[in-house]
Amino acid sequence: MTNYKINGDLVSENTRHIKKEILKAMEKADKLVLDFSQTNYIDSIGLGLLVSLYKSSINQKTELKIENVNENVKKLLRITALDEIFLTEN
C-alpha cells in the first residue's frame, strides 16, 4: 500500500502536477490511498481528475481510496456519488 498526501485544495491550478505524481505512484502500488487531510475544496477540474484517476486505477488494477476527508469535501463526493467509489471507512 502506498499513501499520497494531497497538499492543499484539488483545483485546476495543480491538477496536472498531482495527476502526474499519482499516476507514477500507481504504477508501483497495488493499493494507493490519497490523504485529503490538507484538502478543503475540490473544483470541477479536481472532480474530473478523480474520475480520470479512477479509470486509470481500473486499467492498472490498483485499488484507489481516499481518507481523512473533511465534511465539505465529503459532501461534494456524496453529491457526485464518488463517495461510493473512493471513501475509506474512517
PDB file of N, CA and C in Angstrom:
ATOM      1  N   MET A   1       0.845  -1.179   0.000  1.00  0.00           N
ATOM      2  CA  MET A   1       0.000   0.000   0.000  1.00  0.00           C
ATOM      3  C   MET A   1       0.890   1.241   0.000  1.00  0.00           C
ATOM      4  N   THR A   2       0.494   2.210  -0.781  1.00  0.00           N
ATOM      5  CA  THR A   2       1.210   3.474  -0.877  1.00  0.00           C
ATOM      6  C   THR A   2       0.257   4.606  -0.509  1.00  0.00           C
ATOM      7  N   ASN A   3       0.765   5.580   0.224  1.00  0.00           N
ATOM      8  CA  ASN A   3      -0.007   6.771   0.571  1.00  0.00           C
ATOM      9  C   ASN A   3       0.524   7.959  -0.212  1.00  0.00           C
ATOM     10  N   TYR A   4      -0.396   8.816  -0.647  1.00  0.00           N
ATOM     11  CA  TYR A   4      -0.022  10.055  -1.322  1.00  0.00           C
ATOM     12  C   TYR A   4      -0.821  11.177  -0.688  1.00  0.00           C
ATOM     13  N   LYS A   5      -0.134  12.159  -0.137  1.00  0.00           N
ATOM     14  CA  LYS A   5      -0.796  13.274   0.533  1.00  0.00           C
ATOM     15  C   LYS A   5      -1.051  14.403  -0.463  1.00  0.00           C
ATOM     16  N   ILE A   6      -2.330  14.790  -0.586  1.00  0.00           N
ATOM     17  CA  ILE A   6      -2.699  15.937  -1.399  1.00  0.00           C
ATOM     18  C   ILE A   6      -2.471  17.170  -0.537  1.00  0.00           C
ATOM     19  N   ASN A   7      -1.530  18.000  -0.917  1.00  0.00           N
ATOM     20  CA  ASN A   7      -1.206  19.198  -0.143  1.00  0.00           C
ATOM     21  C   ASN A   7      -1.972  20.387  -0.693  1.00  0.00           C
ATOM     22  N   GLY A   8      -3.068  20.705  -0.049  1.00  0.00           N
ATOM     23  CA  GLY A   8      -3.880  21.832  -0.474  1.00  0.00           C
ATOM     24  C   GLY A   8      -5.115  21.386  -1.221  1.00  0.00           C
ATOM     25  N   ASP A   9      -5.797  22.362  -1.777  1.00  0.00           N
ATOM     26  CA  ASP A   9      -7.047  22.089  -2.477  1.00  0.00           C
ATOM     27  C   ASP A   9      -6.787  21.451  -3.829  1.00  0.00           C
ATOM     28  N   LEU A  10      -7.744  20.666  -4.273  1.00  0.00           N
ATOM     29  CA  LEU A  10      -7.644  19.978  -5.555  1.00  0.00           C
ATOM     30  C   LEU A  10      -8.376  20.832  -6.587  1.00  0.00           C
ATOM     31  N   VAL A  11      -7.626  21.772  -7.172  1.00  0.00           N
ATOM     32  CA  VAL A  11      -8.188  22.749  -8.099  1.00  0.00           C
ATOM     33  C   VAL A  11      -7.382  22.781  -9.391  1.00  0.00           C
ATOM     34  N   SER A  12      -7.929  23.451 -10.391  1.00  0.00           N
ATOM     35  CA  SER A  12      -7.356  23.438 -11.737  1.00  0.00           C
ATOM     36  C   SER A  12      -5.875  23.797 -11.783  1.00  0.00           C
ATOM     37  N   GLU A  13      -5.425  24.673 -10.912  1.00  0.00           N
ATOM     38  CA  GLU A  13      -4.031  25.111 -10.949  1.00  0.00           C
ATOM     39  C   GLU A  13      -3.030  23.998 -10.644  1.00  0.00           C
ATOM     40  N   ASN A  14      -3.440  22.979  -9.917  1.00  0.00           N
ATOM     41  CA  ASN A  14      -2.463  21.962  -9.522  1.00  0.00           C
ATOM     42  C   ASN A  14      -2.805  20.547  -9.983  1.00  0.00           C
ATOM     43  N   THR A  15      -3.864  20.372 -10.766  1.00  0.00           N
ATOM     44  CA  THR A  15      -4.270  19.013 -11.113  1.00  0.00           C
ATOM     45  C   THR A  15      -3.288  18.298 -12.043  1.00  0.00           C
ATOM     46  N   ARG A  16      -2.682  18.997 -12.971  1.00  0.00           N
ATOM     47  CA  ARG A  16      -1.726  18.325 -13.870  1.00  0.00           C
ATOM     48  C   ARG A  16      -0.561  17.738 -13.097  1.00  0.00           C
ATOM     49  N   HIS A  17      -0.017  18.531 -12.211  1.00  0.00           N
ATOM     50  CA  HIS A  17       1.117  18.081 -11.407  1.00  0.00           C
ATOM     51  C   HIS A  17       0.712  16.891 -10.526  1.00  0.00           C
ATOM     52  N   ILE A  18      -0.414  17.011  -9.883  1.00  0.00           N
ATOM     53  CA  ILE A  18      -0.889  15.943  -8.994  1.00  0.00           C
ATOM     54  C   ILE A  18      -1.167  14.668  -9.791  1.00  0.00           C
ATOM     55  N   LYS A  19      -1.811  14.809 -10.944  1.00  0.00           N
ATOM     56  CA  LYS A  19      -2.116  13.634 -11.755  1.00  0.00           C
ATOM     57  C   LYS A  19      -0.850  12.898 -12.148  1.00  0.00           C
ATOM     58  N   LYS A  20       0.137  13.642 -12.563  1.00  0.00           N
ATOM     59  CA  LYS A  20       1.407  13.037 -12.975  1.00  0.00           C
ATOM     60  C   LYS A  20       2.030  12.250 -11.819  1.00  0.00           C
ATOM     61  N   GLU A  21       2.049  12.838 -10.634  1.00  0.00           N
ATOM     62  CA  GLU A  21       2.634  12.173  -9.471  1.00  0.00           C
ATOM     63  C   GLU A  21       1.835  10.944  -9.051  1.00  0.00           C
ATOM     64  N   ILE A  22       0.519  11.049  -9.081  1.00  0.00           N
ATOM     65  CA  ILE A  22      -0.309   9.919  -8.657  1.00  0.00           C
ATOM     66  C   ILE A  22      -0.206   8.772  -9.659  1.00  0.00           C
ATOM     67  N   LEU A  23      -0.201   9.084 -10.934  1.00  0.00           N
ATOM     68  CA  LEU A  23      -0.055   8.025 -11.932  1.00  0.00           C
ATOM     69  C   LEU A  23       1.275   7.307 -11.779  1.00  0.00           C
ATOM     70  N   LYS A  24       2.314   8.044 -11.452  1.00  0.00           N
ATOM     71  CA  LYS A  24       3.620   7.428 -11.217  1.00  0.00           C
ATOM     72  C   LYS A  24       3.567   6.509  -9.999  1.00  0.00           C
ATOM     73  N   ALA A  25       2.928   6.977  -8.930  1.00  0.00           N
ATOM     74  CA  ALA A  25       2.788   6.164  -7.718  1.00  0.00           C
ATOM     75  C   ALA A  25       1.924   4.939  -7.987  1.00  0.00           C
ATOM     76  N   MET A  26       0.921   5.090  -8.822  1.00  0.00           N
ATOM     77  CA  MET A  26       0.007   3.999  -9.134  1.00  0.00           C
ATOM     78  C   MET A  26       0.716   2.861  -9.863  1.00  0.00           C
ATOM     79  N   GLU A  27       1.729   3.183 -10.647  1.00  0.00           N
ATOM     80  CA  GLU A  27       2.479   2.163 -11.379  1.00  0.00           C
ATOM     81  C   GLU A  27       3.171   1.182 -10.434  1.00  0.00           C
ATOM     82  N   LYS A  28       3.487   1.646  -9.226  1.00  0.00           N
ATOM     83  CA  LYS A  28       4.266   0.848  -8.289  1.00  0.00           C
ATOM     84  C   LYS A  28       3.442   0.234  -7.162  1.00  0.00           C
ATOM     85  N   ALA A  29       2.130   0.485  -7.146  1.00  0.00           N
ATOM     86  CA  ALA A  29       1.329   0.069  -5.992  1.00  0.00           C
ATOM     87  C   ALA A  29       0.122  -0.754  -6.422  1.00  0.00           C
ATOM     88  N   ASP A  30      -0.245  -1.721  -5.586  1.00  0.00           N
ATOM     89  CA  ASP A  30      -1.489  -2.446  -5.825  1.00  0.00           C
ATOM     90  C   ASP A  30      -2.649  -1.761  -5.099  1.00  0.00           C
ATOM     91  N   LYS A  31      -2.314  -0.906  -4.106  1.00  0.00           N
ATOM     92  CA  LYS A  31      -3.319  -0.093  -3.421  1.00  0.00           C
ATOM     93  C   LYS A  31      -2.711   1.273  -3.157  1.00  0.00           C
ATOM     94  N   LEU A  32      -3.443   2.314  -3.531  1.00  0.00           N
ATOM     95  CA  LEU A  32      -2.988   3.685  -3.342  1.00  0.00           C
ATOM     96  C   LEU A  32      -4.055   4.435  -2.555  1.00  0.00           C
ATOM     97  N   VAL A  33      -3.633   5.053  -1.451  1.00  0.00           N
ATOM     98  CA  VAL A  33      -4.537   5.814  -0.615  1.00  0.00           C
ATOM     99  C   VAL A  33      -4.159   7.285  -0.710  1.00  0.00           C
ATOM    100  N   LEU A  34      -5.123   8.109  -1.103  1.00  0.00           N
ATOM    101  CA  LEU A  34      -4.907   9.547  -1.196  1.00  0.00           C
ATOM    102  C   LEU A  34      -5.337  10.179   0.122  1.00  0.00           C
ATOM    103  N   ASP A  35      -4.429  10.888   0.754  1.00  0.00           N
ATOM    104  CA  ASP A  35      -4.692  11.542   2.037  1.00  0.00           C
ATOM    105  C   ASP A  35      -5.175  12.961   1.770  1.00  0.00           C
ATOM    106  N   PHE A  36      -6.427  13.229   2.114  1.00  0.00           N
ATOM    107  CA  PHE A  36      -7.040  14.533   1.889  1.00  0.00           C
ATOM    108  C   PHE A  36      -7.089  15.382   3.156  1.00  0.00           C
ATOM    109  N   SER A  37      -6.243  15.113   4.127  1.00  0.00           N
ATOM    110  CA  SER A  37      -6.286  15.855   5.387  1.00  0.00           C
ATOM    111  C   SER A  37      -5.961  17.336   5.211  1.00  0.00           C
ATOM    112  N   GLN A  38      -5.272  17.718   4.145  1.00  0.00           N
ATOM    113  CA  GLN A  38      -4.938  19.113   3.876  1.00  0.00           C
ATOM    114  C   GLN A  38      -5.807  19.719   2.774  1.00  0.00           C
ATOM    115  N   THR A  39      -6.850  18.998   2.362  1.00  0.00           N
ATOM    116  CA  THR A  39      -7.704  19.430   1.260  1.00  0.00           C
ATOM    117  C   THR A  39      -9.052  19.902   1.790  1.00  0.00           C
ATOM    118  N   ASN A  40      -9.387  21.159   1.509  1.00  0.00           N
ATOM    119  CA  ASN A  40     -10.654  21.722   1.958  1.00  0.00           C
ATOM    120  C   ASN A  40     -11.647  21.938   0.823  1.00  0.00           C
ATOM    121  N   TYR A  41     -11.166  21.891  -0.420  1.00  0.00           N
ATOM    122  CA  TYR A  41     -12.019  22.234  -1.556  1.00  0.00           C
ATOM    123  C   TYR A  41     -11.577  21.471  -2.794  1.00  0.00           C
ATOM    124  N   ILE A  42     -12.550  21.060  -3.592  1.00  0.00           N
ATOM    125  CA  ILE A  42     -12.289  20.430  -4.889  1.00  0.00           C
ATOM    126  C   ILE A  42     -13.171  21.140  -5.905  1.00  0.00           C
ATOM    127  N   ASP A  43     -12.566  21.639  -6.996  1.00  0.00           N
ATOM    128  CA  ASP A  43     -13.377  22.259  -8.047  1.00  0.00           C
ATOM    129  C   ASP A  43     -13.733  21.216  -9.107  1.00  0.00           C
ATOM    130  N   SER A  44     -14.416  21.649 -10.164  1.00  0.00           N
ATOM    131  CA  SER A  44     -14.872  20.705 -11.192  1.00  0.00           C
ATOM    132  C   SER A  44     -13.701  20.012 -11.897  1.00  0.00           C
ATOM    133  N   ILE A  45     -12.595  20.713 -12.059  1.00  0.00           N
ATOM    134  CA  ILE A  45     -11.416  20.104 -12.672  1.00  0.00           C
ATOM    135  C   ILE A  45     -10.851  19.030 -11.738  1.00  0.00           C
ATOM    136  N   GLY A  46     -10.856  19.301 -10.451  1.00  0.00           N
ATOM    137  CA  GLY A  46     -10.408  18.316  -9.469  1.00  0.00           C
ATOM    138  C   GLY A  46     -11.290  17.082  -9.458  1.00  0.00           C
ATOM    139  N   LEU A  47     -12.604  17.279  -9.589  1.00  0.00           N
ATOM    140  CA  LEU A  47     -13.515  16.134  -9.688  1.00  0.00           C
ATOM    141  C   LEU A  47     -13.224  15.316 -10.942  1.00  0.00           C
ATOM    142  N   GLY A  48     -12.970  16.018 -12.038  1.00  0.00           N
ATOM    143  CA  GLY A  48     -12.603  15.330 -13.280  1.00  0.00           C
ATOM    144  C   GLY A  48     -11.321  14.529 -13.113  1.00  0.00           C
ATOM    145  N   LEU A  49     -10.385  15.085 -12.365  1.00  0.00           N
ATOM    146  CA  LEU A  49      -9.141  14.366 -12.099  1.00  0.00           C
ATOM    147  C   LEU A  49      -9.428  13.076 -11.335  1.00  0.00           C
ATOM    148  N   LEU A  50     -10.293  13.137 -10.344  1.00  0.00           N
ATOM    149  CA  LEU A  50     -10.618  11.934  -9.577  1.00  0.00           C
ATOM    150  C   LEU A  50     -11.234  10.857 -10.467  1.00  0.00           C
ATOM    151  N   VAL A  51     -12.115  11.253 -11.370  1.00  0.00           N
ATOM    152  CA  VAL A  51     -12.723  10.292 -12.290  1.00  0.00           C
ATOM    153  C   VAL A  51     -11.655   9.696 -13.204  1.00  0.00           C
ATOM    154  N   SER A  52     -10.771  10.532 -13.707  1.00  0.00           N
ATOM    155  CA  SER A  52      -9.684  10.065 -14.564  1.00  0.00           C
ATOM    156  C   SER A  52      -8.765   9.094 -13.823  1.00  0.00           C
ATOM    157  N   LEU A  53      -8.442   9.426 -12.579  1.00  0.00           N
ATOM    158  CA  LEU A  53      -7.599   8.537 -11.775  1.00  0.00           C
ATOM    159  C   LEU A  53      -8.296   7.213 -11.497  1.00  0.00           C
ATOM    160  N   TYR A  54      -9.592   7.271 -11.287  1.00  0.00           N
ATOM    161  CA  TYR A  54     -10.357   6.039 -11.065  1.00  0.00           C
ATOM    162  C   TYR A  54     -10.263   5.129 -12.291  1.00  0.00           C
ATOM    163  N   LYS A  55     -10.451   5.700 -13.480  1.00  0.00           N
ATOM    164  CA  LYS A  55     -10.353   4.911 -14.705  1.00  0.00           C
ATOM    165  C   LYS A  55      -8.954   4.325 -14.869  1.00  0.00           C
ATOM    166  N   SER A  56      -7.930   5.126 -14.569  1.00  0.00           N
ATOM    167  CA  SER A  56      -6.555   4.632 -14.657  1.00  0.00           C
ATOM    168  C   SER A  56      -6.305   3.512 -13.662  1.00  0.00           C
ATOM    169  N   SER A  57      -6.884   3.636 -12.476  1.00  0.00           N
ATOM    170  CA  SER A  57      -6.677   2.596 -11.460  1.00  0.00           C
ATOM    171  C   SER A  57      -7.293   1.272 -11.901  1.00  0.00           C
ATOM    172  N   ILE A  58      -8.417   1.329 -12.590  1.00  0.00           N
ATOM    173  CA  ILE A  58      -9.025   0.096 -13.104  1.00  0.00           C
ATOM    174  C   ILE A  58      -8.108  -0.544 -14.135  1.00  0.00           C
ATOM    175  N   ASN A  59      -7.603   0.271 -15.052  1.00  0.00           N
ATOM    176  CA  ASN A  59      -6.714  -0.244 -16.095  1.00  0.00           C
ATOM    177  C   ASN A  59      -5.432  -0.836 -15.525  1.00  0.00           C
ATOM    178  N   GLN A  60      -4.930  -0.245 -14.445  1.00  0.00           N
ATOM    179  CA  GLN A  60      -3.676  -0.706 -13.856  1.00  0.00           C
ATOM    180  C   GLN A  60      -3.889  -1.700 -12.710  1.00  0.00           C
ATOM    181  N   LYS A  61      -5.170  -2.021 -12.445  1.00  0.00           N
ATOM    182  CA  LYS A  61      -5.506  -2.959 -11.370  1.00  0.00           C
ATOM    183  C   LYS A  61      -4.952  -2.499 -10.021  1.00  0.00           C
ATOM    184  N   THR A  62      -5.126  -1.210  -9.755  1.00  0.00           N
ATOM    185  CA  THR A  62      -4.710  -0.608  -8.490  1.00  0.00           C
ATOM    186  C   THR A  62      -5.953  -0.147  -7.737  1.00  0.00           C
ATOM    187  N   GLU A  63      -6.061  -0.562  -6.484  1.00  0.00           N
ATOM    188  CA  GLU A  63      -7.161  -0.076  -5.663  1.00  0.00           C
ATOM    189  C   GLU A  63      -6.856   1.358  -5.251  1.00  0.00           C
ATOM    190  N   LEU A  64      -7.805   2.256  -5.449  1.00  0.00           N
ATOM    191  CA  LEU A  64      -7.608   3.673  -5.161  1.00  0.00           C
ATOM    192  C   LEU A  64      -8.654   4.128  -4.154  1.00  0.00           C
ATOM    193  N   LYS A  65      -8.196   4.659  -3.020  1.00  0.00           N
ATOM    194  CA  LYS A  65      -9.090   5.118  -1.957  1.00  0.00           C
ATOM    195  C   LYS A  65      -8.668   6.502  -1.483  1.00  0.00           C
ATOM    196  N   ILE A  66      -9.600   7.173  -0.808  1.00  0.00           N
ATOM    197  CA  ILE A  66      -9.350   8.490  -0.227  1.00  0.00           C
ATOM    198  C   ILE A  66      -9.636   8.398   1.264  1.00  0.00           C
ATOM    199  N   GLU A  67      -8.779   9.025   2.067  1.00  0.00           N
ATOM    200  CA  GLU A  67      -9.010   9.045   3.511  1.00  0.00           C
ATOM    201  C   GLU A  67      -8.789  10.447   4.063  1.00  0.00           C
ATOM    202  N   ASN A  68      -9.200  10.628   5.307  1.00  0.00           N
ATOM    203  CA  ASN A  68      -9.045  11.908   6.020  1.00  0.00           C
ATOM    204  C   ASN A  68      -9.737  13.058   5.298  1.00  0.00           C
ATOM    205  N   VAL A  69     -10.997  12.831   4.951  1.00  0.00           N
ATOM    206  CA  VAL A  69     -11.776  13.793   4.187  1.00  0.00           C
ATOM    207  C   VAL A  69     -12.606  14.655   5.142  1.00  0.00           C
ATOM    208  N   ASN A  70     -12.538  15.986   4.965  1.00  0.00           N
ATOM    209  CA  ASN A  70     -13.357  16.859   5.809  1.00  0.00           C
ATOM    210  C   ASN A  70     -14.807  16.837   5.328  1.00  0.00           C
ATOM    211  N   GLU A  71     -15.680  17.437   6.107  1.00  0.00           N
ATOM    212  CA  GLU A  71     -17.116  17.381   5.810  1.00  0.00           C
ATOM    213  C   GLU A  71     -17.488  18.061   4.492  1.00  0.00           C
ATOM    214  N   ASN A  72     -16.840  19.171   4.144  1.00  0.00           N
ATOM    215  CA  ASN A  72     -17.146  19.855   2.882  1.00  0.00           C
ATOM    216  C   ASN A  72     -16.829  18.975   1.668  1.00  0.00           C
ATOM    217  N   VAL A  73     -15.657  18.373   1.691  1.00  0.00           N
ATOM    218  CA  VAL A  73     -15.252  17.502   0.584  1.00  0.00           C
ATOM    219  C   VAL A  73     -16.110  16.242   0.574  1.00  0.00           C
ATOM    220  N   LYS A  74     -16.397  15.708   1.744  1.00  0.00           N
ATOM    221  CA  LYS A  74     -17.233  14.508   1.844  1.00  0.00           C
ATOM    222  C   LYS A  74     -18.618  14.769   1.241  1.00  0.00           C
ATOM    223  N   LYS A  75     -19.162  15.953   1.503  1.00  0.00           N
ATOM    224  CA  LYS A  75     -20.477  16.312   0.960  1.00  0.00           C
ATOM    225  C   LYS A  75     -20.429  16.367  -0.568  1.00  0.00           C
ATOM    226  N   LEU A  76     -19.376  16.965  -1.112  1.00  0.00           N
ATOM    227  CA  LEU A  76     -19.214  17.038  -2.564  1.00  0.00           C
ATOM    228  C   LEU A  76     -19.088  15.643  -3.174  1.00  0.00           C
ATOM    229  N   LEU A  77     -18.315  14.799  -2.544  1.00  0.00           N
ATOM    230  CA  LEU A  77     -18.161  13.433  -3.047  1.00  0.00           C
ATOM    231  C   LEU A  77     -19.488  12.681  -2.974  1.00  0.00           C
ATOM    232  N   ARG A  78     -20.272  12.945  -1.943  1.00  0.00           N
ATOM    233  CA  ARG A  78     -21.581  12.304  -1.802  1.00  0.00           C
ATOM    234  C   ARG A  78     -22.532  12.777  -2.903  1.00  0.00           C
ATOM    235  N   ILE A  79     -22.547  14.083  -3.171  1.00  0.00           N
ATOM    236  CA  ILE A  79     -23.429  14.651  -4.205  1.00  0.00           C
ATOM    237  C   ILE A  79     -23.112  14.060  -5.578  1.00  0.00           C
ATOM    238  N   THR A  80     -21.840  13.842  -5.844  1.00  0.00           N
ATOM    239  CA  THR A  80     -21.413  13.321  -7.148  1.00  0.00           C
ATOM    240  C   THR A  80     -21.341  11.796  -7.183  1.00  0.00           C
ATOM    241  N   ALA A  81     -21.681  11.161  -6.077  1.00  0.00           N
ATOM    242  CA  ALA A  81     -21.649   9.698  -5.920  1.00  0.00           C
ATOM    243  C   ALA A  81     -20.231   9.127  -5.977  1.00  0.00           C
ATOM    244  N   LEU A  82     -19.238   9.981  -5.913  1.00  0.00           N
ATOM    245  CA  LEU A  82     -17.860   9.498  -5.887  1.00  0.00           C
ATOM    246  C   LEU A  82     -17.493   8.918  -4.523  1.00  0.00           C
ATOM    247  N   ASP A  83     -18.285   9.209  -3.502  1.00  0.00           N
ATOM    248  CA  ASP A  83     -18.026   8.639  -2.187  1.00  0.00           C
ATOM    249  C   ASP A  83     -18.128   7.122  -2.216  1.00  0.00           C
ATOM    250  N   GLU A  84     -19.008   6.589  -3.049  1.00  0.00           N
ATOM    251  CA  GLU A  84     -19.175   5.140  -3.149  1.00  0.00           C
ATOM    252  C   GLU A  84     -17.955   4.464  -3.762  1.00  0.00           C
ATOM    253  N   ILE A  85     -17.206   5.199  -4.526  1.00  0.00           N
ATOM    254  CA  ILE A  85     -16.020   4.650  -5.187  1.00  0.00           C
ATOM    255  C   ILE A  85     -14.779   4.812  -4.318  1.00  0.00           C
ATOM    256  N   PHE A  86     -14.611   5.967  -3.692  1.00  0.00           N
ATOM    257  CA  PHE A  86     -13.341   6.333  -3.102  1.00  0.00           C
ATOM    258  C   PHE A  86     -13.212   6.263  -1.582  1.00  0.00           C
ATOM    259  N   LEU A  87     -14.266   6.569  -0.849  1.00  0.00           N
ATOM    260  CA  LEU A  87     -14.076   6.787   0.573  1.00  0.00           C
ATOM    261  C   LEU A  87     -13.760   5.531   1.343  1.00  0.00           C
ATOM    262  N   THR A  88     -12.815   5.677   2.271  1.00  0.00           N
ATOM    263  CA  THR A  88     -12.473   4.595   3.184  1.00  0.00           C
ATOM    264  C   THR A  88     -13.385   4.689   4.388  1.00  0.00           C
ATOM    265  N   GLU A  89     -13.230   3.798   5.299  1.00  0.00           N
ATOM    266  CA  GLU A  89     -14.117   3.714   6.453  1.00  0.00           C
ATOM    267  C   GLU A  89     -13.930   4.820   7.469  1.00  0.00           C
ATOM    268  N   ASN A  90     -12.754   5.453   7.544  1.00  0.00           N
ATOM    269  CA  ASN A  90     -12.521   6.434   8.629  1.00  0.00           C
ATOM    270  C   ASN A  90     -13.084   7.785   8.327  1.00  0.00           C
TER     271      ASN A  90
END
